[in-house]
Amino acid sequence: MFKKSIFLLLLAALSTATLFAKSATQTAGDVLALLLPATAFGTALYLDDQKGQMQFYKSYGTTMATTLALKYTIREKRPDTDEKDSFPSGHTASAFAGASFIHKRYGWRYALPAYAAAIYTGYSRIHSNRHHTHDVLAGAFIAIASSWYFATPYKNIEVFPSFGQNKNGISVNYSW
């Protein structure tokens, strides 16, 4: 019941995200910033992946706590206002938290569209003049690092691209 309540709360927040948006690009970024983590958590719920749910809590919680702590410690001015909460981008951190969790837990095949949406979210923040490029990059980095620290592959299989000096390919890891 508690898990479903959190999921419904995320969906309610998603429905109000467009109230303050100034353009279609900004609206899309606002929606994706909530939709991607909701999708990641919803996937864990759908699969009854209790271990994944707990890993998502830790990963997303750490991402957002770190982002908020830095925002209100560094106090960087936004490009469009005198507000001093630009660094790092919370929208980008949220979007990349969902995408990178999906990647680490469920694999590349599911993560590619999520990463495309997360990149668009970062773009939307720069395009709407709400963040500098380094704010967006920092938000993405925090989220990816958190997901890669807390999440483990689902069913012990991990597939990822492998690049080397004289070879390119795919690596498959299996843990037992």
N, C-alpha and C. Protein backbone atom coordinates (compact mmCIF):
# COMPACT_ATOMS: atom_id res chain seq x y z
N MET A 1 0.82 -1.19 0.00
CA MET A 1 0.00 0.00 0.00
C MET A 1 0.87 1.25 0.00
N PHE A 2 1.91 1.28 0.83
CA PHE A 2 2.81 2.43 0.92
C PHE A 2 3.47 2.71 -0.43
N LYS A 3 3.91 1.64 -1.11
CA LYS A 3 4.57 1.78 -2.41
C LYS A 3 3.64 2.39 -3.43
N LYS A 4 2.42 1.94 -3.46
CA LYS A 4 1.45 2.47 -4.42
C LYS A 4 1.12 3.93 -4.10
N SER A 5 1.11 4.30 -2.83
CA SER A 5 0.86 5.68 -2.43
C SER A 5 1.95 6.59 -2.94
N ILE A 6 3.19 6.15 -2.84
CA ILE A 6 4.31 6.95 -3.35
C ILE A 6 4.20 7.10 -4.85
N PHE A 7 3.87 6.04 -5.53
CA PHE A 7 3.71 6.08 -6.98
C PHE A 7 2.59 7.05 -7.37
N LEU A 8 1.47 7.01 -6.68
CA LEU A 8 0.36 7.92 -6.97
C LEU A 8 0.74 9.36 -6.66
N LEU A 9 1.54 9.57 -5.63
CA LEU A 9 2.01 10.91 -5.30
C LEU A 9 2.90 11.46 -6.42
N LEU A 10 3.77 10.62 -6.96
CA LEU A 10 4.60 11.04 -8.10
C LEU A 10 3.73 11.40 -9.30
N LEU A 11 2.71 10.62 -9.56
CA LEU A 11 1.83 10.92 -10.69
C LEU A 11 1.04 12.21 -10.47
N ALA A 12 0.64 12.48 -9.23
CA ALA A 12 -0.05 13.74 -8.94
C ALA A 12 0.88 14.92 -9.15
N ALA A 13 2.12 14.78 -8.73
CA ALA A 13 3.11 15.84 -8.95
C ALA A 13 3.33 16.05 -10.44
N LEU A 14 3.34 14.97 -11.18
CA LEU A 14 3.52 15.04 -12.63
C LEU A 14 2.39 15.83 -13.27
N SER A 15 1.19 15.66 -12.81
CA SER A 15 0.06 16.35 -13.41
C SER A 15 0.08 17.85 -13.13
N THR A 16 0.76 18.30 -12.08
CA THR A 16 0.84 19.73 -11.77
C THR A 16 2.12 20.36 -12.30
N ALA A 17 3.00 19.59 -12.90
CA ALA A 17 4.30 20.11 -13.35
C ALA A 17 4.17 21.17 -14.43
N THR A 18 3.10 21.14 -15.19
CA THR A 18 2.97 22.06 -16.31
C THR A 18 2.39 23.42 -15.90
N LEU A 19 2.01 23.61 -14.67
CA LEU A 19 1.35 24.85 -14.26
C LEU A 19 2.24 26.08 -14.41
N PHE A 20 3.55 25.93 -14.20
CA PHE A 20 4.44 27.07 -14.20
C PHE A 20 5.36 27.13 -15.41
N ALA A 21 5.19 26.27 -16.36
CA ALA A 21 6.06 26.22 -17.53
C ALA A 21 5.77 27.39 -18.46
N LYS A 22 6.82 27.85 -19.16
CA LYS A 22 6.70 29.00 -20.03
C LYS A 22 6.65 28.62 -21.50
N SER A 23 7.11 27.45 -21.88
CA SER A 23 7.12 27.02 -23.28
C SER A 23 6.87 25.52 -23.36
N ALA A 24 6.63 25.05 -24.57
CA ALA A 24 6.41 23.61 -24.76
C ALA A 24 7.66 22.83 -24.39
N THR A 25 8.83 23.37 -24.71
CA THR A 25 10.09 22.69 -24.37
C THR A 25 10.25 22.60 -22.85
N GLN A 26 9.96 23.69 -22.17
CA GLN A 26 10.07 23.68 -20.71
C GLN A 26 9.03 22.75 -20.10
N THR A 27 7.83 22.74 -20.64
CA THR A 27 6.78 21.84 -20.15
C THR A 27 7.21 20.38 -20.31
N ALA A 28 7.77 20.05 -21.47
CA ALA A 28 8.22 18.67 -21.70
C ALA A 28 9.30 18.30 -20.70
N GLY A 29 10.24 19.21 -20.45
CA GLY A 29 11.29 18.94 -19.47
C GLY A 29 10.73 18.75 -18.08
N ASP A 30 9.75 19.57 -17.70
CA ASP A 30 9.11 19.43 -16.38
C ASP A 30 8.45 18.07 -16.23
N VAL A 31 7.73 17.66 -17.27
CA VAL A 31 7.02 16.37 -17.23
C VAL A 31 8.02 15.21 -17.19
N LEU A 32 9.04 15.25 -18.03
CA LEU A 32 10.02 14.16 -18.08
C LEU A 32 10.82 14.04 -16.79
N ALA A 33 11.05 15.15 -16.11
CA ALA A 33 11.79 15.13 -14.84
C ALA A 33 11.06 14.30 -13.79
N LEU A 34 9.75 14.20 -13.90
CA LEU A 34 8.97 13.38 -12.98
C LEU A 34 8.60 12.02 -13.58
N LEU A 35 8.37 12.01 -14.89
CA LEU A 35 7.95 10.78 -15.55
C LEU A 35 9.05 9.70 -15.55
N LEU A 36 10.31 10.10 -15.75
CA LEU A 36 11.38 9.11 -15.80
C LEU A 36 11.59 8.40 -14.46
N PRO A 37 11.68 9.10 -13.32
CA PRO A 37 11.79 8.34 -12.07
C PRO A 37 10.52 7.57 -11.74
N ALA A 38 9.35 8.11 -12.13
CA ALA A 38 8.10 7.37 -11.91
C ALA A 38 8.10 6.08 -12.73
N THR A 39 8.64 6.14 -13.94
CA THR A 39 8.73 4.94 -14.78
C THR A 39 9.69 3.93 -14.18
N ALA A 40 10.83 4.41 -13.69
CA ALA A 40 11.80 3.50 -13.07
C ALA A 40 11.18 2.79 -11.86
N PHE A 41 10.54 3.57 -11.00
CA PHE A 41 9.92 2.98 -9.82
C PHE A 41 8.73 2.09 -10.21
N GLY A 42 7.95 2.55 -11.19
CA GLY A 42 6.81 1.76 -11.66
C GLY A 42 7.23 0.43 -12.25
N THR A 43 8.37 0.41 -12.92
CA THR A 43 8.89 -0.84 -13.46
C THR A 43 9.22 -1.82 -12.34
N ALA A 44 9.87 -1.32 -11.30
CA ALA A 44 10.19 -2.18 -10.15
C ALA A 44 8.91 -2.68 -9.49
N LEU A 45 7.89 -1.82 -9.40
CA LEU A 45 6.61 -2.25 -8.84
C LEU A 45 5.96 -3.32 -9.72
N TYR A 46 5.91 -3.07 -11.01
CA TYR A 46 5.27 -3.99 -11.95
C TYR A 46 5.93 -5.37 -11.91
N LEU A 47 7.24 -5.39 -11.83
CA LEU A 47 7.97 -6.66 -11.79
C LEU A 47 7.99 -7.29 -10.40
N ASP A 48 7.37 -6.62 -9.45
CA ASP A 48 7.42 -7.05 -8.05
C ASP A 48 8.88 -7.24 -7.62
N ASP A 49 9.71 -6.33 -8.06
CA ASP A 49 11.15 -6.34 -7.79
C ASP A 49 11.42 -5.55 -6.51
N GLN A 50 11.22 -6.22 -5.37
CA GLN A 50 11.35 -5.54 -4.09
C GLN A 50 12.78 -5.06 -3.83
N LYS A 51 13.75 -5.83 -4.26
CA LYS A 51 15.14 -5.39 -4.12
C LYS A 51 15.38 -4.14 -4.97
N GLY A 52 14.83 -4.12 -6.18
CA GLY A 52 14.95 -2.96 -7.05
C GLY A 52 14.25 -1.74 -6.48
N GLN A 53 13.09 -1.95 -5.84
CA GLN A 53 12.37 -0.84 -5.22
C GLN A 53 13.24 -0.19 -4.14
N MET A 54 13.85 -1.00 -3.31
CA MET A 54 14.70 -0.47 -2.25
C MET A 54 15.93 0.24 -2.83
N GLN A 55 16.49 -0.34 -3.88
CA GLN A 55 17.63 0.30 -4.52
C GLN A 55 17.22 1.63 -5.15
N PHE A 56 16.02 1.71 -5.72
CA PHE A 56 15.53 2.96 -6.27
C PHE A 56 15.39 4.01 -5.17
N TYR A 57 14.80 3.63 -4.03
CA TYR A 57 14.66 4.58 -2.91
C TYR A 57 16.01 5.17 -2.55
N LYS A 58 17.00 4.31 -2.40
CA LYS A 58 18.33 4.77 -2.00
C LYS A 58 18.95 5.66 -3.07
N SER A 59 18.87 5.21 -4.31
CA SER A 59 19.48 5.94 -5.42
C SER A 59 18.83 7.29 -5.64
N TYR A 60 17.52 7.30 -5.75
CA TYR A 60 16.80 8.55 -6.01
C TYR A 60 16.90 9.49 -4.82
N GLY A 61 16.75 8.93 -3.63
CA GLY A 61 16.87 9.76 -2.42
C GLY A 61 18.23 10.42 -2.30
N THR A 62 19.27 9.65 -2.57
CA THR A 62 20.63 10.20 -2.51
C THR A 62 20.83 11.26 -3.59
N THR A 63 20.34 10.99 -4.78
CA THR A 63 20.46 11.96 -5.87
C THR A 63 19.80 13.28 -5.49
N MET A 64 18.58 13.24 -5.04
CA MET A 64 17.85 14.47 -4.76
C MET A 64 18.38 15.17 -3.50
N ALA A 65 18.78 14.42 -2.49
CA ALA A 65 19.34 15.04 -1.29
C ALA A 65 20.67 15.74 -1.62
N THR A 66 21.50 15.09 -2.41
CA THR A 66 22.78 15.69 -2.81
C THR A 66 22.53 16.94 -3.65
N THR A 67 21.61 16.84 -4.59
CA THR A 67 21.29 17.98 -5.45
C THR A 67 20.79 19.16 -4.64
N LEU A 68 19.86 18.93 -3.73
CA LEU A 68 19.32 20.02 -2.91
C LEU A 68 20.38 20.59 -1.97
N ALA A 69 21.20 19.73 -1.40
CA ALA A 69 22.27 20.23 -0.51
C ALA A 69 23.23 21.14 -1.28
N LEU A 70 23.59 20.74 -2.49
CA LEU A 70 24.49 21.57 -3.29
C LEU A 70 23.81 22.87 -3.73
N LYS A 71 22.54 22.79 -4.11
CA LYS A 71 21.80 23.99 -4.55
C LYS A 71 21.83 25.07 -3.48
N TYR A 72 21.59 24.67 -2.24
CA TYR A 72 21.45 25.65 -1.18
C TYR A 72 22.75 25.87 -0.40
N THR A 73 23.82 25.25 -0.85
CA THR A 73 25.15 25.52 -0.31
C THR A 73 25.93 26.41 -1.25
N ILE A 74 25.91 26.08 -2.53
CA ILE A 74 26.69 26.81 -3.53
C ILE A 74 26.03 28.15 -3.88
N ARG A 75 24.71 28.19 -3.98
CA ARG A 75 23.95 29.42 -4.20
C ARG A 75 24.31 30.14 -5.50
N GLU A 76 24.39 29.39 -6.60
CA GLU A 76 24.69 29.99 -7.91
C GLU A 76 23.44 30.64 -8.49
N LYS A 77 23.61 31.81 -9.06
CA LYS A 77 22.51 32.57 -9.65
C LYS A 77 22.05 31.91 -10.95
N ARG A 78 20.73 31.82 -11.12
CA ARG A 78 20.15 31.30 -12.36
C ARG A 78 20.37 32.30 -13.49
N PRO A 79 20.43 31.80 -14.73
CA PRO A 79 20.63 32.72 -15.85
C PRO A 79 19.46 33.67 -16.10
N ASP A 80 18.24 33.29 -15.69
CA ASP A 80 17.06 34.10 -16.01
C ASP A 80 16.51 34.94 -14.86
N THR A 81 17.01 34.72 -13.66
CA THR A 81 16.49 35.46 -12.49
C THR A 81 17.62 35.70 -11.50
N ASP A 82 17.25 36.32 -10.41
CA ASP A 82 18.23 36.53 -9.32
C ASP A 82 18.19 35.40 -8.31
N GLU A 83 17.36 34.38 -8.56
CA GLU A 83 17.30 33.23 -7.66
C GLU A 83 18.67 32.56 -7.62
N LYS A 84 19.06 32.10 -6.46
CA LYS A 84 20.39 31.50 -6.30
C LYS A 84 20.27 30.01 -5.96
N ASP A 85 19.70 29.29 -6.90
CA ASP A 85 19.56 27.84 -6.73
C ASP A 85 19.76 27.12 -8.05
N SER A 86 20.71 27.59 -8.85
CA SER A 86 20.89 27.06 -10.19
C SER A 86 21.71 25.77 -10.22
N PHE A 87 22.73 25.67 -9.38
CA PHE A 87 23.67 24.54 -9.45
C PHE A 87 23.39 23.54 -8.34
N PRO A 88 23.23 22.27 -8.69
CA PRO A 88 23.04 21.62 -9.99
C PRO A 88 21.57 21.61 -10.37
N SER A 89 21.28 21.18 -11.58
CA SER A 89 19.90 21.14 -12.08
C SER A 89 19.13 19.98 -11.44
N GLY A 90 18.11 20.31 -10.70
CA GLY A 90 17.29 19.27 -10.07
C GLY A 90 16.45 18.49 -11.07
N HIS A 91 15.93 19.18 -12.10
CA HIS A 91 15.16 18.49 -13.13
C HIS A 91 16.03 17.44 -13.83
N THR A 92 17.24 17.86 -14.19
CA THR A 92 18.15 16.94 -14.89
C THR A 92 18.55 15.79 -13.98
N ALA A 93 18.83 16.09 -12.72
CA ALA A 93 19.20 15.04 -11.77
C ALA A 93 18.06 14.03 -11.63
N SER A 94 16.84 14.51 -11.52
CA SER A 94 15.69 13.62 -11.39
C SER A 94 15.52 12.74 -12.63
N ALA A 95 15.61 13.36 -13.81
CA ALA A 95 15.45 12.61 -15.05
C ALA A 95 16.55 11.56 -15.21
N PHE A 96 17.79 11.94 -14.98
CA PHE A 96 18.89 10.99 -15.12
C PHE A 96 18.87 9.93 -14.02
N ALA A 97 18.30 10.26 -12.87
CA ALA A 97 18.17 9.24 -11.82
C ALA A 97 17.28 8.10 -12.31
N GLY A 98 16.18 8.46 -12.96
CA GLY A 98 15.30 7.42 -13.51
C GLY A 98 15.97 6.64 -14.63
N ALA A 99 16.58 7.36 -15.57
CA ALA A 99 17.20 6.71 -16.73
C ALA A 99 18.37 5.82 -16.33
N SER A 100 19.24 6.32 -15.46
CA SER A 100 20.42 5.53 -15.09
C SER A 100 20.05 4.35 -14.19
N PHE A 101 18.98 4.49 -13.39
CA PHE A 101 18.51 3.35 -12.60
C PHE A 101 17.99 2.26 -13.53
N ILE A 102 17.18 2.65 -14.52
CA ILE A 102 16.69 1.68 -15.49
C ILE A 102 17.86 0.99 -16.18
N HIS A 103 18.86 1.76 -16.56
CA HIS A 103 20.04 1.20 -17.23
C HIS A 103 20.75 0.18 -16.35
N LYS A 104 21.08 0.58 -15.14
CA LYS A 104 21.85 -0.30 -14.26
C LYS A 104 21.04 -1.53 -13.84
N ARG A 105 19.77 -1.34 -13.56
CA ARG A 105 18.95 -2.45 -13.05
C ARG A 105 18.41 -3.35 -14.16
N TYR A 106 17.95 -2.75 -15.28
CA TYR A 106 17.23 -3.54 -16.27
C TYR A 106 17.90 -3.60 -17.65
N GLY A 107 18.98 -2.86 -17.85
CA GLY A 107 19.77 -3.00 -19.08
C GLY A 107 19.62 -1.89 -20.09
N TRP A 108 20.55 -1.92 -21.06
CA TRP A 108 20.63 -0.90 -22.11
C TRP A 108 19.37 -0.82 -22.96
N ARG A 109 18.80 -1.96 -23.29
CA ARG A 109 17.66 -1.98 -24.20
C ARG A 109 16.53 -1.10 -23.70
N TYR A 110 16.31 -1.09 -22.41
CA TYR A 110 15.25 -0.28 -21.82
C TYR A 110 15.72 1.13 -21.51
N ALA A 111 17.02 1.30 -21.36
CA ALA A 111 17.56 2.59 -20.93
C ALA A 111 17.74 3.59 -22.07
N LEU A 112 17.93 3.11 -23.29
CA LEU A 112 18.21 4.05 -24.39
C LEU A 112 17.11 5.10 -24.56
N PRO A 113 15.83 4.74 -24.62
CA PRO A 113 14.81 5.79 -24.72
C PRO A 113 14.77 6.68 -23.47
N ALA A 114 15.04 6.09 -22.31
CA ALA A 114 15.05 6.88 -21.07
C ALA A 114 16.20 7.89 -21.08
N TYR A 115 17.36 7.47 -21.55
CA TYR A 115 18.49 8.41 -21.65
C TYR A 115 18.18 9.52 -22.65
N ALA A 116 17.55 9.19 -23.77
CA ALA A 116 17.18 10.22 -24.75
C ALA A 116 16.25 11.25 -24.10
N ALA A 117 15.29 10.78 -23.32
CA ALA A 117 14.37 11.68 -22.62
C ALA A 117 15.09 12.50 -21.55
N ALA A 118 16.03 11.89 -20.86
CA ALA A 118 16.80 12.61 -19.83
C ALA A 118 17.68 13.69 -20.47
N ILE A 119 18.28 13.38 -21.60
CA ILE A 119 19.09 14.37 -22.31
C ILE A 119 18.20 15.53 -22.76
N TYR A 120 17.02 15.21 -23.24
CA TYR A 120 16.10 16.27 -23.64
C TYR A 120 15.70 17.14 -22.44
N THR A 121 15.54 16.52 -21.29
CA THR A 121 15.22 17.28 -20.08
C THR A 121 16.33 18.28 -19.78
N GLY A 122 17.58 17.83 -19.85
CA GLY A 122 18.71 18.73 -19.64
C GLY A 122 18.71 19.86 -20.66
N TYR A 123 18.48 19.50 -21.92
CA TYR A 123 18.40 20.51 -22.99
C TYR A 123 17.31 21.53 -22.68
N SER A 124 16.16 21.06 -22.21
CA SER A 124 15.04 21.96 -21.93
C SER A 124 15.39 22.98 -20.86
N ARG A 125 16.21 22.58 -19.92
CA ARG A 125 16.60 23.50 -18.83
C ARG A 125 17.53 24.60 -19.34
N ILE A 126 18.40 24.24 -20.28
CA ILE A 126 19.29 25.24 -20.87
C ILE A 126 18.51 26.11 -21.85
N HIS A 127 17.69 25.48 -22.69
CA HIS A 127 16.89 26.18 -23.70
C HIS A 127 15.96 27.21 -23.07
N SER A 128 15.35 26.86 -21.94
CA SER A 128 14.42 27.78 -21.28
C SER A 128 15.16 28.77 -20.37
N ASN A 129 16.48 28.76 -20.44
CA ASN A 129 17.33 29.70 -19.72
C ASN A 129 17.21 29.59 -18.20
N ARG A 130 16.90 28.38 -17.72
CA ARG A 130 16.80 28.15 -16.28
C ARG A 130 18.13 27.68 -15.68
N HIS A 131 19.02 27.12 -16.53
CA HIS A 131 20.29 26.60 -16.04
C HIS A 131 21.41 26.85 -17.03
N HIS A 132 22.61 26.86 -16.47
CA HIS A 132 23.82 26.88 -17.28
C HIS A 132 24.14 25.43 -17.67
N THR A 133 24.98 25.24 -18.67
CA THR A 133 25.36 23.89 -19.11
C THR A 133 25.99 23.09 -17.99
N HIS A 134 26.86 23.72 -17.20
CA HIS A 134 27.53 22.98 -16.12
C HIS A 134 26.55 22.56 -15.02
N ASP A 135 25.45 23.27 -14.84
CA ASP A 135 24.41 22.86 -13.88
C ASP A 135 23.77 21.54 -14.32
N VAL A 136 23.49 21.46 -15.62
CA VAL A 136 22.86 20.27 -16.19
C VAL A 136 23.81 19.08 -16.14
N LEU A 137 25.06 19.30 -16.50
CA LEU A 137 26.05 18.21 -16.46
C LEU A 137 26.25 17.70 -15.04
N ALA A 138 26.28 18.60 -14.08
CA ALA A 138 26.46 18.19 -12.68
C ALA A 138 25.26 17.37 -12.19
N GLY A 139 24.05 17.80 -12.55
CA GLY A 139 22.85 17.04 -12.15
C GLY A 139 22.87 15.63 -12.73
N ALA A 140 23.26 15.53 -14.00
CA ALA A 140 23.34 14.21 -14.64
C ALA A 140 24.40 13.35 -13.95
N PHE A 141 25.56 13.93 -13.67
CA PHE A 141 26.64 13.18 -13.03
C PHE A 141 26.23 12.65 -11.66
N ILE A 142 25.61 13.48 -10.85
CA ILE A 142 25.18 13.06 -9.51
C ILE A 142 24.23 11.88 -9.60
N ALA A 143 23.26 11.97 -10.51
CA ALA A 143 22.26 10.91 -10.66
C ALA A 143 22.88 9.61 -11.15
N ILE A 144 23.72 9.69 -12.15
CA ILE A 144 24.35 8.48 -12.70
C ILE A 144 25.24 7.83 -11.64
N ALA A 145 26.02 8.63 -10.93
CA ALA A 145 26.90 8.07 -9.90
C ALA A 145 26.09 7.39 -8.80
N SER A 146 24.98 7.98 -8.41
CA SER A 146 24.14 7.41 -7.36
C SER A 146 23.51 6.08 -7.81
N SER A 147 22.99 6.07 -9.03
CA SER A 147 22.39 4.83 -9.53
C SER A 147 23.42 3.72 -9.66
N TRP A 148 24.59 4.06 -10.16
CA TRP A 148 25.62 3.04 -10.33
C TRP A 148 26.17 2.57 -9.00
N TYR A 149 26.05 3.38 -7.96
CA TYR A 149 26.50 2.96 -6.63
C TYR A 149 25.48 2.03 -5.97
N PHE A 150 24.20 2.38 -6.06
CA PHE A 150 23.18 1.65 -5.31
C PHE A 150 22.51 0.50 -6.07
N ALA A 151 22.38 0.60 -7.37
CA ALA A 151 21.62 -0.40 -8.12
C ALA A 151 22.51 -1.55 -8.57
N THR A 152 21.92 -2.72 -8.60
CA THR A 152 22.60 -3.91 -9.12
C THR A 152 21.74 -4.46 -10.27
N PRO A 153 22.33 -5.23 -11.16
CA PRO A 153 21.56 -5.77 -12.28
C PRO A 153 20.45 -6.72 -11.80
N TYR A 154 19.32 -6.63 -12.47
CA TYR A 154 18.19 -7.49 -12.19
C TYR A 154 18.50 -8.90 -12.68
N LYS A 155 18.23 -9.89 -11.88
CA LYS A 155 18.47 -11.30 -12.21
C LYS A 155 19.94 -11.57 -12.52
N ASN A 156 20.83 -10.78 -11.95
CA ASN A 156 22.28 -11.02 -11.99
C ASN A 156 22.92 -10.98 -13.37
N ILE A 157 22.24 -10.42 -14.36
CA ILE A 157 22.82 -10.33 -15.70
C ILE A 157 23.02 -8.86 -16.04
N GLU A 158 24.20 -8.55 -16.54
CA GLU A 158 24.51 -7.18 -16.92
C GLU A 158 25.14 -7.20 -18.31
N VAL A 159 24.56 -6.41 -19.22
CA VAL A 159 25.08 -6.30 -20.58
C VAL A 159 25.38 -4.83 -20.83
N PHE A 160 26.59 -4.54 -21.31
CA PHE A 160 26.94 -3.16 -21.61
C PHE A 160 27.99 -3.12 -22.71
N PRO A 161 28.07 -1.97 -23.41
CA PRO A 161 29.06 -1.86 -24.48
C PRO A 161 30.47 -1.84 -23.89
N SER A 162 31.40 -2.37 -24.65
CA SER A 162 32.80 -2.42 -24.21
C SER A 162 33.67 -1.82 -25.31
N PHE A 163 34.48 -0.85 -24.93
CA PHE A 163 35.35 -0.18 -25.89
C PHE A 163 36.79 -0.29 -25.41
N GLY A 164 37.67 -0.60 -26.31
CA GLY A 164 39.09 -0.70 -25.99
C GLY A 164 39.92 -0.16 -27.11
N GLN A 165 41.22 -0.18 -26.92
CA GLN A 165 42.12 0.37 -27.90
C GLN A 165 42.03 -0.37 -29.24
N ASN A 166 41.99 -1.69 -29.20
CA ASN A 166 41.97 -2.49 -30.42
C ASN A 166 40.70 -3.31 -30.59
N LYS A 167 39.69 -3.04 -29.74
CA LYS A 167 38.47 -3.85 -29.83
C LYS A 167 37.26 -3.06 -29.36
N ASN A 168 36.14 -3.37 -29.94
CA ASN A 168 34.84 -2.85 -29.52
C ASN A 168 33.88 -4.03 -29.49
N GLY A 169 32.94 -3.99 -28.58
CA GLY A 169 32.01 -5.11 -28.50
C GLY A 169 31.04 -4.94 -27.35
N ILE A 170 30.53 -6.05 -26.91
CA ILE A 170 29.57 -6.08 -25.80
C ILE A 170 30.12 -7.00 -24.73
N SER A 171 30.03 -6.54 -23.49
CA SER A 171 30.43 -7.38 -22.36
C SER A 171 29.18 -7.88 -21.66
N VAL A 172 29.20 -9.11 -21.26
CA VAL A 172 28.10 -9.70 -20.51
C VAL A 172 28.67 -10.25 -19.21
N ASN A 173 28.11 -9.78 -18.10
CA ASN A 173 28.52 -10.25 -16.79
C ASN A 173 27.35 -10.99 -16.15
N TYR A 174 27.64 -12.10 -15.52
CA TYR A 174 26.64 -12.85 -14.78
C TYR A 174 27.17 -13.13 -13.39
N SER A 175 26.37 -12.81 -12.38
CA SER A 175 26.77 -13.06 -10.99
C SER A 175 25.91 -14.17 -10.40
N TRP A 176 26.50 -15.04 -9.65
CA TRP A 176 25.75 -16.09 -8.96
C TRP A 176 26.29 -16.32 -7.60
